[in-house]
Amino acid sequence: MSSSTKVVTTLLGLAFAAGVSAAPVTYEIDPAHTYPSFEADHLGGMSVWRGKFNSSAGKITFDKAASAGTVEVTIDMKSIDFGHQGLNDHANTPDIFDTAKYPTATYSGKLAGFANGAPTKVEGNLTMHGVTKPVTLTINTFKCAPDRSGREKCGADAVTTLNREDFGVTFGKAFGFDMKVTLRIQVEALAAS
């Protein structure tokens, strides 16, 4: 499973910051348009498990003129969704994420690698399963534009690969599961009014 993935998921969302003003702008992540998803090995290449986290929240600050910004994201680990209730239930147990003890994962980072006024990555720390490790997200695409209400909305697509064993999530290792997890994040955020 990929506990790293969910956190990363939250992390990537932050990376979308795009703004057009000269002063720092704060954006709030839109949970209805943000879907951190992950891909994790099953049985050493037998198949690939895919899932997502249904609940996340956070904010991004972005100063386009200064090519700077920050990202703060919290993911509800209990919201993991494989599309299979049995797997969802198992992921919440101490075997995997132990969500009774570690109900959330957080990511805190800075926008970086600016090109043409836009960030190309987020450099920060992910805390999951009681462990904090550095995690960098690569921003593949991002765009900012007014939404239907006229407020600026920014969106991004980001990806990273994590080793879940680094976060103490080792279920399946004895059966040959690969500990690497790919995290993909589709995120949108709205400028605070």
N, C-alpha and C. Protein backbone atom coordinates (compact mmCIF):
# COMPACT_ATOMS: atom_id res chain seq x y z
N MET A 1 0.84 -1.17 0.00
CA MET A 1 0.00 0.00 0.00
C MET A 1 0.88 1.23 0.00
N SER A 2 0.28 2.40 -0.18
CA SER A 2 1.15 3.53 -0.29
C SER A 2 0.71 4.66 0.60
N SER A 3 1.20 4.64 1.82
CA SER A 3 0.89 5.71 2.73
C SER A 3 1.63 6.93 2.29
N SER A 4 2.76 6.73 1.70
CA SER A 4 3.56 7.83 1.19
C SER A 4 2.76 8.54 0.12
N THR A 5 2.06 7.75 -0.61
CA THR A 5 1.34 8.27 -1.74
C THR A 5 0.34 9.30 -1.32
N LYS A 6 -0.41 9.02 -0.28
CA LYS A 6 -1.42 9.97 0.11
C LYS A 6 -0.82 11.27 0.55
N VAL A 7 0.25 11.14 1.33
CA VAL A 7 0.89 12.36 1.78
C VAL A 7 1.40 13.14 0.59
N VAL A 8 2.05 12.43 -0.26
CA VAL A 8 2.59 13.07 -1.43
C VAL A 8 1.46 13.72 -2.19
N THR A 9 0.36 12.92 -2.26
CA THR A 9 -0.79 13.47 -2.87
C THR A 9 -1.09 14.81 -2.37
N THR A 10 -1.16 15.04 -1.08
CA THR A 10 -1.41 16.30 -0.47
C THR A 10 -0.33 17.28 -0.86
N LEU A 11 0.87 16.93 -0.91
CA LEU A 11 2.04 17.73 -1.21
C LEU A 11 1.95 18.33 -2.61
N LEU A 12 1.61 17.52 -3.56
CA LEU A 12 1.56 17.95 -4.94
C LEU A 12 0.52 19.02 -5.14
N GLY A 13 -0.58 18.89 -4.47
CA GLY A 13 -1.62 19.87 -4.60
C GLY A 13 -1.12 21.24 -4.30
N LEU A 14 -0.25 21.34 -3.37
CA LEU A 14 0.30 22.61 -2.98
C LEU A 14 1.12 23.24 -4.09
N ALA A 15 1.73 22.42 -4.85
CA ALA A 15 2.64 22.87 -5.87
C ALA A 15 1.97 23.65 -6.98
N PHE A 16 0.67 23.70 -7.00
CA PHE A 16 -0.05 24.31 -8.10
C PHE A 16 0.03 25.81 -8.09
N ALA A 17 0.38 26.39 -6.96
CA ALA A 17 0.34 27.83 -6.80
C ALA A 17 0.75 28.56 -8.05
N ALA A 18 -0.08 29.44 -8.52
CA ALA A 18 0.31 30.13 -9.73
C ALA A 18 0.07 31.62 -9.70
N GLY A 19 -0.92 32.16 -9.23
CA GLY A 19 -1.18 33.58 -9.05
C GLY A 19 -0.68 34.56 -10.07
N VAL A 20 -1.32 35.71 -10.16
CA VAL A 20 -0.89 36.71 -11.11
C VAL A 20 -0.62 38.04 -10.44
N SER A 21 -0.76 38.13 -9.15
CA SER A 21 -0.53 39.41 -8.50
C SER A 21 0.90 39.52 -8.03
N ALA A 22 1.32 40.75 -7.73
CA ALA A 22 2.69 41.00 -7.30
C ALA A 22 2.88 40.72 -5.82
N ALA A 23 1.79 40.65 -5.08
CA ALA A 23 1.88 40.38 -3.65
C ALA A 23 1.53 38.92 -3.40
N PRO A 24 1.95 38.39 -2.25
CA PRO A 24 1.58 37.00 -1.95
C PRO A 24 0.06 36.82 -1.93
N VAL A 25 -0.38 35.72 -2.53
CA VAL A 25 -1.81 35.39 -2.55
C VAL A 25 -1.96 34.04 -1.86
N THR A 26 -3.02 33.91 -1.07
CA THR A 26 -3.31 32.64 -0.40
C THR A 26 -4.42 31.92 -1.15
N TYR A 27 -4.20 30.64 -1.42
CA TYR A 27 -5.18 29.79 -2.10
C TYR A 27 -5.58 28.66 -1.17
N GLU A 28 -6.85 28.33 -1.17
CA GLU A 28 -7.34 27.22 -0.37
C GLU A 28 -7.64 26.04 -1.29
N ILE A 29 -7.13 24.87 -0.92
CA ILE A 29 -7.33 23.68 -1.74
C ILE A 29 -8.82 23.34 -1.82
N ASP A 30 -9.28 23.07 -3.02
CA ASP A 30 -10.67 22.70 -3.27
C ASP A 30 -10.80 21.18 -3.17
N PRO A 31 -11.37 20.68 -2.06
CA PRO A 31 -11.43 19.22 -1.88
C PRO A 31 -12.29 18.51 -2.92
N ALA A 32 -13.20 19.24 -3.57
CA ALA A 32 -14.05 18.62 -4.58
C ALA A 32 -13.33 18.42 -5.91
N HIS A 33 -12.15 19.06 -6.06
CA HIS A 33 -11.40 18.95 -7.31
C HIS A 33 -9.94 18.55 -7.05
N THR A 34 -9.71 17.89 -5.94
CA THR A 34 -8.36 17.46 -5.59
C THR A 34 -8.39 15.97 -5.28
N TYR A 35 -7.60 15.21 -6.03
CA TYR A 35 -7.61 13.75 -5.88
C TYR A 35 -6.20 13.18 -5.86
N PRO A 36 -5.61 13.09 -4.67
CA PRO A 36 -4.31 12.41 -4.58
C PRO A 36 -4.53 10.92 -4.85
N SER A 37 -3.80 10.37 -5.77
CA SER A 37 -3.93 8.95 -6.07
C SER A 37 -2.57 8.29 -6.03
N PHE A 38 -2.57 6.96 -5.93
CA PHE A 38 -1.31 6.25 -5.80
C PHE A 38 -1.36 4.92 -6.54
N GLU A 39 -0.17 4.41 -6.82
CA GLU A 39 0.00 3.11 -7.45
C GLU A 39 1.04 2.36 -6.65
N ALA A 40 0.70 1.15 -6.22
CA ALA A 40 1.61 0.35 -5.40
C ALA A 40 1.62 -1.09 -5.89
N ASP A 41 2.77 -1.69 -5.81
CA ASP A 41 2.95 -3.07 -6.25
C ASP A 41 2.17 -4.06 -5.40
N HIS A 42 1.69 -5.13 -6.03
CA HIS A 42 1.07 -6.25 -5.33
C HIS A 42 1.81 -7.52 -5.71
N LEU A 43 2.36 -8.18 -4.71
CA LEU A 43 3.03 -9.47 -4.87
C LEU A 43 4.20 -9.46 -5.85
N GLY A 44 5.03 -8.41 -5.75
CA GLY A 44 6.25 -8.37 -6.54
C GLY A 44 6.05 -8.41 -8.03
N GLY A 45 5.09 -7.65 -8.53
CA GLY A 45 4.85 -7.57 -9.96
C GLY A 45 3.63 -8.33 -10.46
N MET A 46 2.88 -8.94 -9.53
CA MET A 46 1.66 -9.65 -9.93
C MET A 46 0.65 -8.68 -10.54
N SER A 47 0.49 -7.53 -9.88
CA SER A 47 -0.43 -6.50 -10.38
C SER A 47 -0.08 -5.19 -9.68
N VAL A 48 -0.82 -4.14 -10.02
CA VAL A 48 -0.61 -2.83 -9.41
C VAL A 48 -1.90 -2.42 -8.71
N TRP A 49 -1.79 -2.11 -7.41
CA TRP A 49 -2.94 -1.60 -6.66
C TRP A 49 -3.01 -0.10 -6.89
N ARG A 50 -4.21 0.38 -7.13
CA ARG A 50 -4.42 1.81 -7.31
C ARG A 50 -5.49 2.28 -6.34
N GLY A 51 -5.32 3.48 -5.86
CA GLY A 51 -6.30 4.03 -4.94
C GLY A 51 -6.13 5.53 -4.83
N LYS A 52 -6.91 6.14 -3.94
CA LYS A 52 -6.86 7.58 -3.74
C LYS A 52 -7.28 7.92 -2.32
N PHE A 53 -7.09 9.17 -1.96
CA PHE A 53 -7.56 9.68 -0.68
C PHE A 53 -8.69 10.67 -0.98
N ASN A 54 -9.82 10.46 -0.34
CA ASN A 54 -11.00 11.24 -0.64
C ASN A 54 -11.12 12.54 0.15
N SER A 55 -10.28 12.73 1.16
CA SER A 55 -10.41 13.92 2.00
C SER A 55 -9.04 14.55 2.28
N SER A 56 -8.89 15.79 1.83
CA SER A 56 -7.66 16.53 2.08
C SER A 56 -8.00 18.01 2.18
N ALA A 57 -7.14 18.76 2.84
CA ALA A 57 -7.35 20.20 3.00
C ALA A 57 -5.99 20.87 3.10
N GLY A 58 -5.97 22.16 2.81
CA GLY A 58 -4.71 22.86 2.94
C GLY A 58 -4.74 24.21 2.27
N LYS A 59 -3.59 24.86 2.29
CA LYS A 59 -3.49 26.18 1.67
C LYS A 59 -2.11 26.35 1.04
N ILE A 60 -2.09 27.26 0.09
CA ILE A 60 -0.84 27.58 -0.60
C ILE A 60 -0.72 29.10 -0.61
N THR A 61 0.48 29.60 -0.39
CA THR A 61 0.73 31.01 -0.59
C THR A 61 1.67 31.12 -1.78
N PHE A 62 1.45 32.15 -2.61
CA PHE A 62 2.26 32.28 -3.81
C PHE A 62 2.53 33.76 -4.09
N ASP A 63 3.80 34.07 -4.26
CA ASP A 63 4.23 35.43 -4.60
C ASP A 63 4.91 35.33 -5.96
N LYS A 64 4.18 35.62 -7.02
CA LYS A 64 4.71 35.47 -8.37
C LYS A 64 5.92 36.36 -8.60
N ALA A 65 5.85 37.60 -8.13
CA ALA A 65 6.96 38.54 -8.35
C ALA A 65 8.25 38.06 -7.71
N ALA A 66 8.14 37.42 -6.56
CA ALA A 66 9.32 36.95 -5.84
C ALA A 66 9.69 35.51 -6.18
N SER A 67 8.91 34.86 -7.04
CA SER A 67 9.11 33.44 -7.36
C SER A 67 9.25 32.64 -6.08
N ALA A 68 8.24 32.76 -5.24
CA ALA A 68 8.27 32.10 -3.93
C ALA A 68 6.87 31.67 -3.54
N GLY A 69 6.79 30.71 -2.63
CA GLY A 69 5.50 30.28 -2.13
C GLY A 69 5.66 29.12 -1.16
N THR A 70 4.59 28.83 -0.46
CA THR A 70 4.61 27.74 0.51
C THR A 70 3.38 26.87 0.31
N VAL A 71 3.48 25.65 0.83
CA VAL A 71 2.39 24.70 0.72
C VAL A 71 2.20 24.02 2.08
N GLU A 72 0.96 23.93 2.53
CA GLU A 72 0.61 23.22 3.77
C GLU A 72 -0.59 22.34 3.46
N VAL A 73 -0.44 21.01 3.63
CA VAL A 73 -1.54 20.10 3.30
C VAL A 73 -1.72 19.06 4.39
N THR A 74 -2.99 18.74 4.66
CA THR A 74 -3.32 17.67 5.60
C THR A 74 -4.22 16.68 4.89
N ILE A 75 -3.89 15.39 5.01
CA ILE A 75 -4.69 14.33 4.39
C ILE A 75 -5.30 13.46 5.47
N ASP A 76 -6.59 13.20 5.32
CA ASP A 76 -7.28 12.29 6.23
C ASP A 76 -6.98 10.87 5.77
N MET A 77 -6.13 10.19 6.53
CA MET A 77 -5.69 8.85 6.12
C MET A 77 -6.84 7.84 6.12
N LYS A 78 -7.85 8.08 6.92
CA LYS A 78 -8.99 7.16 6.96
C LYS A 78 -9.82 7.23 5.68
N SER A 79 -9.56 8.24 4.85
CA SER A 79 -10.34 8.40 3.63
C SER A 79 -9.76 7.61 2.45
N ILE A 80 -8.80 6.73 2.72
CA ILE A 80 -8.20 5.93 1.65
C ILE A 80 -9.28 5.12 0.94
N ASP A 81 -9.17 5.05 -0.39
CA ASP A 81 -10.22 4.40 -1.18
C ASP A 81 -9.59 3.62 -2.35
N PHE A 82 -9.61 2.30 -2.22
CA PHE A 82 -9.12 1.42 -3.28
C PHE A 82 -10.25 1.01 -4.23
N GLY A 83 -11.48 1.42 -3.90
CA GLY A 83 -12.61 0.91 -4.65
C GLY A 83 -12.97 -0.50 -4.21
N HIS A 84 -12.46 -0.90 -3.05
CA HIS A 84 -12.68 -2.23 -2.49
C HIS A 84 -12.69 -2.09 -0.97
N GLN A 85 -13.86 -2.26 -0.35
CA GLN A 85 -13.98 -1.99 1.07
C GLN A 85 -13.06 -2.83 1.94
N GLY A 86 -12.83 -4.08 1.54
CA GLY A 86 -11.93 -4.93 2.32
C GLY A 86 -10.52 -4.36 2.39
N LEU A 87 -10.03 -3.86 1.26
CA LEU A 87 -8.70 -3.24 1.25
C LEU A 87 -8.69 -1.94 2.04
N ASN A 88 -9.77 -1.16 1.92
CA ASN A 88 -9.87 0.08 2.68
C ASN A 88 -9.77 -0.21 4.18
N ASP A 89 -10.53 -1.20 4.63
CA ASP A 89 -10.54 -1.56 6.05
C ASP A 89 -9.15 -2.02 6.50
N HIS A 90 -8.50 -2.85 5.68
CA HIS A 90 -7.18 -3.36 6.04
C HIS A 90 -6.15 -2.22 6.11
N ALA A 91 -6.24 -1.28 5.19
CA ALA A 91 -5.29 -0.16 5.17
C ALA A 91 -5.36 0.67 6.45
N ASN A 92 -6.50 0.66 7.11
CA ASN A 92 -6.66 1.44 8.35
C ASN A 92 -6.11 0.72 9.58
N THR A 93 -5.78 -0.55 9.47
CA THR A 93 -5.32 -1.32 10.63
C THR A 93 -3.84 -1.06 10.92
N PRO A 94 -3.35 -1.52 12.08
CA PRO A 94 -1.93 -1.37 12.40
C PRO A 94 -1.00 -2.08 11.40
N ASP A 95 -1.52 -3.03 10.61
CA ASP A 95 -0.71 -3.68 9.57
C ASP A 95 -0.15 -2.66 8.58
N ILE A 96 -0.94 -1.61 8.33
CA ILE A 96 -0.55 -0.67 7.27
C ILE A 96 -0.43 0.76 7.83
N PHE A 97 -1.50 1.54 7.80
CA PHE A 97 -1.40 2.95 8.21
C PHE A 97 -1.72 3.22 9.67
N ASP A 98 -2.37 2.27 10.34
CA ASP A 98 -2.71 2.45 11.76
C ASP A 98 -3.36 3.81 12.00
N THR A 99 -4.49 4.03 11.31
CA THR A 99 -5.12 5.34 11.34
C THR A 99 -5.72 5.71 12.70
N ALA A 100 -5.91 4.74 13.58
CA ALA A 100 -6.37 5.08 14.93
C ALA A 100 -5.27 5.86 15.65
N LYS A 101 -4.03 5.51 15.39
CA LYS A 101 -2.89 6.16 16.02
C LYS A 101 -2.36 7.34 15.19
N TYR A 102 -2.43 7.20 13.86
CA TYR A 102 -1.93 8.24 12.95
C TYR A 102 -3.03 8.62 11.96
N PRO A 103 -4.01 9.40 12.40
CA PRO A 103 -5.18 9.69 11.55
C PRO A 103 -4.92 10.61 10.37
N THR A 104 -3.84 11.37 10.40
CA THR A 104 -3.57 12.30 9.31
C THR A 104 -2.12 12.19 8.84
N ALA A 105 -1.90 12.66 7.63
CA ALA A 105 -0.56 12.83 7.09
C ALA A 105 -0.48 14.30 6.70
N THR A 106 0.69 14.91 6.89
CA THR A 106 0.84 16.32 6.56
C THR A 106 2.05 16.53 5.65
N TYR A 107 1.94 17.58 4.85
CA TYR A 107 3.06 17.96 3.99
C TYR A 107 3.23 19.45 4.09
N SER A 108 4.48 19.86 4.27
CA SER A 108 4.82 21.28 4.37
C SER A 108 6.02 21.52 3.48
N GLY A 109 5.88 22.46 2.53
CA GLY A 109 6.98 22.67 1.61
C GLY A 109 7.01 24.05 1.00
N LYS A 110 8.00 24.24 0.13
CA LYS A 110 8.20 25.50 -0.58
C LYS A 110 8.18 25.25 -2.08
N LEU A 111 7.56 26.17 -2.81
CA LEU A 111 7.56 26.10 -4.26
C LEU A 111 8.98 26.41 -4.74
N ALA A 112 9.43 25.71 -5.78
CA ALA A 112 10.81 25.88 -6.23
C ALA A 112 10.92 25.59 -7.72
N GLY A 113 12.14 25.80 -8.24
CA GLY A 113 12.41 25.49 -9.64
C GLY A 113 11.59 26.32 -10.60
N PHE A 114 11.43 27.59 -10.32
CA PHE A 114 10.57 28.44 -11.16
C PHE A 114 11.10 28.58 -12.58
N ALA A 115 10.21 28.50 -13.54
CA ALA A 115 10.51 28.71 -14.95
C ALA A 115 9.34 29.48 -15.56
N ASN A 116 9.63 30.59 -16.19
CA ASN A 116 8.58 31.43 -16.78
C ASN A 116 7.51 31.80 -15.76
N GLY A 117 7.94 32.07 -14.53
CA GLY A 117 7.02 32.51 -13.50
C GLY A 117 6.24 31.43 -12.80
N ALA A 118 6.51 30.17 -13.14
CA ALA A 118 5.74 29.07 -12.55
C ALA A 118 6.66 28.08 -11.85
N PRO A 119 6.22 27.52 -10.73
CA PRO A 119 7.03 26.51 -10.04
C PRO A 119 7.02 25.19 -10.82
N THR A 120 8.14 24.49 -10.79
CA THR A 120 8.22 23.18 -11.44
C THR A 120 8.34 22.05 -10.43
N LYS A 121 8.44 22.42 -9.15
CA LYS A 121 8.51 21.40 -8.11
C LYS A 121 8.16 22.00 -6.76
N VAL A 122 7.93 21.10 -5.81
CA VAL A 122 7.71 21.49 -4.42
C VAL A 122 8.72 20.70 -3.59
N GLU A 123 9.46 21.40 -2.76
CA GLU A 123 10.44 20.76 -1.89
C GLU A 123 9.97 20.90 -0.45
N GLY A 124 9.79 19.77 0.23
CA GLY A 124 9.28 19.86 1.59
C GLY A 124 9.43 18.57 2.36
N ASN A 125 8.66 18.49 3.43
CA ASN A 125 8.69 17.32 4.32
C ASN A 125 7.31 16.72 4.45
N LEU A 126 7.27 15.40 4.38
CA LEU A 126 6.03 14.67 4.55
C LEU A 126 6.09 13.95 5.89
N THR A 127 5.02 14.10 6.67
CA THR A 127 4.92 13.37 7.92
C THR A 127 3.76 12.39 7.79
N MET A 128 4.10 11.10 7.91
CA MET A 128 3.10 10.05 7.77
C MET A 128 3.49 8.89 8.66
N HIS A 129 2.50 8.30 9.30
CA HIS A 129 2.75 7.13 10.13
C HIS A 129 3.79 7.45 11.21
N GLY A 130 3.78 8.73 11.67
CA GLY A 130 4.68 9.16 12.74
C GLY A 130 6.11 9.43 12.31
N VAL A 131 6.38 9.41 11.01
CA VAL A 131 7.74 9.61 10.50
C VAL A 131 7.75 10.81 9.55
N THR A 132 8.78 11.66 9.66
CA THR A 132 8.93 12.81 8.78
C THR A 132 10.15 12.61 7.89
N LYS A 133 9.94 12.77 6.58
CA LYS A 133 11.02 12.61 5.60
C LYS A 133 10.88 13.68 4.52
N PRO A 134 12.02 14.08 3.91
CA PRO A 134 11.93 15.02 2.79
C PRO A 134 11.30 14.36 1.57
N VAL A 135 10.42 15.11 0.90
CA VAL A 135 9.76 14.61 -0.31
C VAL A 135 9.69 15.76 -1.30
N THR A 136 10.13 15.53 -2.52
CA THR A 136 10.04 16.53 -3.59
C THR A 136 9.02 16.06 -4.62
N LEU A 137 8.13 16.97 -4.99
CA LEU A 137 7.11 16.68 -5.99
C LEU A 137 7.48 17.38 -7.29
N THR A 138 7.34 16.71 -8.40
CA THR A 138 7.57 17.31 -9.71
C THR A 138 6.23 17.78 -10.26
N ILE A 139 6.16 19.05 -10.64
CA ILE A 139 4.93 19.61 -11.20
C ILE A 139 4.99 19.46 -12.71
N ASN A 140 4.11 18.64 -13.26
CA ASN A 140 4.08 18.42 -14.71
C ASN A 140 3.39 19.55 -15.45
N THR A 141 2.25 19.98 -14.94
CA THR A 141 1.49 21.07 -15.56
C THR A 141 0.81 21.88 -14.48
N PHE A 142 0.60 23.17 -14.76
CA PHE A 142 -0.24 23.98 -13.89
C PHE A 142 -0.81 25.12 -14.69
N LYS A 143 -1.94 25.61 -14.20
CA LYS A 143 -2.64 26.69 -14.90
C LYS A 143 -3.44 27.47 -13.89
N CYS A 144 -3.51 28.78 -14.08
CA CYS A 144 -4.36 29.64 -13.26
C CYS A 144 -5.29 30.43 -14.17
N ALA A 145 -6.53 30.59 -13.73
CA ALA A 145 -7.52 31.34 -14.50
C ALA A 145 -8.68 31.67 -13.58
N PRO A 146 -9.47 32.69 -13.93
CA PRO A 146 -10.64 33.00 -13.12
C PRO A 146 -11.65 31.86 -13.18
N ASP A 147 -12.31 31.57 -12.04
CA ASP A 147 -13.37 30.57 -12.07
C ASP A 147 -14.67 31.27 -12.42
N ARG A 148 -15.79 30.57 -12.33
CA ARG A 148 -17.07 31.16 -12.72
C ARG A 148 -17.47 32.36 -11.87
N SER A 149 -16.95 32.42 -10.65
CA SER A 149 -17.28 33.56 -9.78
C SER A 149 -16.34 34.73 -10.00
N GLY A 150 -15.31 34.53 -10.82
CA GLY A 150 -14.35 35.59 -11.08
C GLY A 150 -13.11 35.52 -10.20
N ARG A 151 -13.12 34.63 -9.19
CA ARG A 151 -11.95 34.46 -8.34
C ARG A 151 -10.92 33.59 -9.05
N GLU A 152 -9.66 33.89 -8.81
CA GLU A 152 -8.61 33.10 -9.45
C GLU A 152 -8.55 31.69 -8.88
N LYS A 153 -8.41 30.73 -9.77
CA LYS A 153 -8.28 29.33 -9.40
C LYS A 153 -7.04 28.79 -10.10
N CYS A 154 -6.25 28.01 -9.38
CA CYS A 154 -5.06 27.40 -9.95
C CYS A 154 -5.17 25.89 -9.82
N GLY A 155 -4.63 25.21 -10.81
CA GLY A 155 -4.65 23.76 -10.77
C GLY A 155 -3.32 23.21 -11.23
N ALA A 156 -3.01 21.99 -10.81
CA ALA A 156 -1.75 21.37 -11.18
C ALA A 156 -1.86 19.86 -11.22
N ASP A 157 -0.90 19.28 -11.91
CA ASP A 157 -0.74 17.84 -11.95
C ASP A 157 0.69 17.57 -11.53
N ALA A 158 0.88 16.75 -10.49
CA ALA A 158 2.22 16.51 -9.96
C ALA A 158 2.42 15.03 -9.66
N VAL A 159 3.67 14.66 -9.53
CA VAL A 159 3.99 13.24 -9.31
C VAL A 159 5.28 13.10 -8.51
N THR A 160 5.38 12.02 -7.79
CA THR A 160 6.61 11.66 -7.09
C THR A 160 6.61 10.16 -6.85
N THR A 161 7.76 9.62 -6.53
CA THR A 161 7.87 8.22 -6.15
C THR A 161 8.50 8.16 -4.77
N LEU A 162 7.88 7.39 -3.88
CA LEU A 162 8.33 7.27 -2.50
C LEU A 162 8.64 5.82 -2.17
N ASN A 163 9.41 5.65 -1.11
CA ASN A 163 9.64 4.32 -0.56
C ASN A 163 8.85 4.27 0.74
N ARG A 164 7.76 3.51 0.75
CA ARG A 164 6.90 3.49 1.94
C ARG A 164 7.59 2.91 3.16
N GLU A 165 8.60 2.08 2.94
CA GLU A 165 9.34 1.53 4.07
C GLU A 165 10.04 2.64 4.86
N ASP A 166 10.39 3.75 4.19
CA ASP A 166 11.00 4.89 4.88
C ASP A 166 10.07 5.47 5.94
N PHE A 167 8.77 5.23 5.77
CA PHE A 167 7.77 5.75 6.71
C PHE A 167 7.24 4.64 7.62
N GLY A 168 7.90 3.51 7.64
CA GLY A 168 7.50 2.43 8.53
C GLY A 168 6.30 1.64 8.07
N VAL A 169 5.94 1.76 6.79
CA VAL A 169 4.80 1.02 6.23
C VAL A 169 5.38 -0.11 5.37
N THR A 170 5.50 -1.29 5.97
CA THR A 170 6.21 -2.39 5.31
C THR A 170 5.33 -3.60 4.99
N PHE A 171 4.02 -3.46 5.13
CA PHE A 171 3.15 -4.60 4.86
C PHE A 171 3.44 -5.18 3.48
N GLY A 172 3.58 -6.48 3.40
CA GLY A 172 3.80 -7.18 2.14
C GLY A 172 5.25 -7.37 1.76
N LYS A 173 6.17 -6.74 2.48
CA LYS A 173 7.59 -6.87 2.12
C LYS A 173 8.03 -8.34 2.16
N ALA A 174 7.55 -9.06 3.16
CA ALA A 174 7.93 -10.48 3.29
C ALA A 174 7.40 -11.33 2.14
N PHE A 175 6.40 -10.82 1.43
CA PHE A 175 5.82 -11.54 0.30
C PHE A 175 6.37 -11.05 -1.03
N GLY A 176 7.38 -10.18 -0.98
CA GLY A 176 8.00 -9.69 -2.20
C GLY A 176 7.43 -8.42 -2.77
N PHE A 177 6.54 -7.74 -2.04
CA PHE A 177 5.99 -6.48 -2.52
C PHE A 177 7.13 -5.46 -2.69
N ASP A 178 7.11 -4.71 -3.76
CA ASP A 178 8.04 -3.60 -3.95
C ASP A 178 7.58 -2.46 -3.04
N MET A 179 8.49 -1.87 -2.30
CA MET A 179 8.13 -0.81 -1.36
C MET A 179 7.96 0.56 -2.02
N LYS A 180 8.28 0.68 -3.30
CA LYS A 180 8.13 1.96 -3.98
C LYS A 180 6.66 2.22 -4.32
N VAL A 181 6.26 3.47 -4.15
CA VAL A 181 4.89 3.88 -4.45
C VAL A 181 4.94 5.14 -5.31
N THR A 182 4.15 5.16 -6.36
CA THR A 182 4.03 6.36 -7.19
C THR A 182 2.82 7.15 -6.74
N LEU A 183 3.02 8.42 -6.49
CA LEU A 183 1.94 9.30 -6.06
C LEU A 183 1.66 10.31 -7.15
N ARG A 184 0.40 10.40 -7.55
CA ARG A 184 -0.02 11.37 -8.56
C ARG A 184 -1.06 12.27 -7.92
N ILE A 185 -0.91 13.56 -8.14
CA ILE A 185 -1.84 14.49 -7.52
C ILE A 185 -2.45 15.44 -8.53
N GLN A 186 -3.76 15.38 -8.57
CA GLN A 186 -4.56 16.31 -9.36
C GLN A 186 -5.13 17.28 -8.34
N VAL A 187 -4.81 18.57 -8.45
CA VAL A 187 -5.23 19.52 -7.44
C VAL A 187 -5.72 20.83 -8.04
N GLU A 188 -6.70 21.41 -7.36
CA GLU A 188 -7.16 22.75 -7.71
C GLU A 188 -7.33 23.53 -6.41
N ALA A 189 -7.04 24.82 -6.47
CA ALA A 189 -7.16 25.67 -5.29
C ALA A 189 -7.69 27.03 -5.70
N LEU A 190 -8.45 27.64 -4.81
CA LEU A 190 -9.13 28.89 -5.09
C LEU A 190 -8.57 30.00 -4.23
N ALA A 191 -8.32 31.15 -4.83
CA ALA A 191 -7.81 32.30 -4.08
C ALA A 191 -8.78 32.64 -2.97
N ALA A 192 -8.24 32.84 -1.76
CA ALA A 192 -9.09 33.20 -0.62
C ALA A 192 -9.73 34.54 -0.88
N SER A 193 -11.00 34.66 -0.50
CA SER A 193 -11.71 35.92 -0.76
C SER A 193 -11.40 36.94 0.29
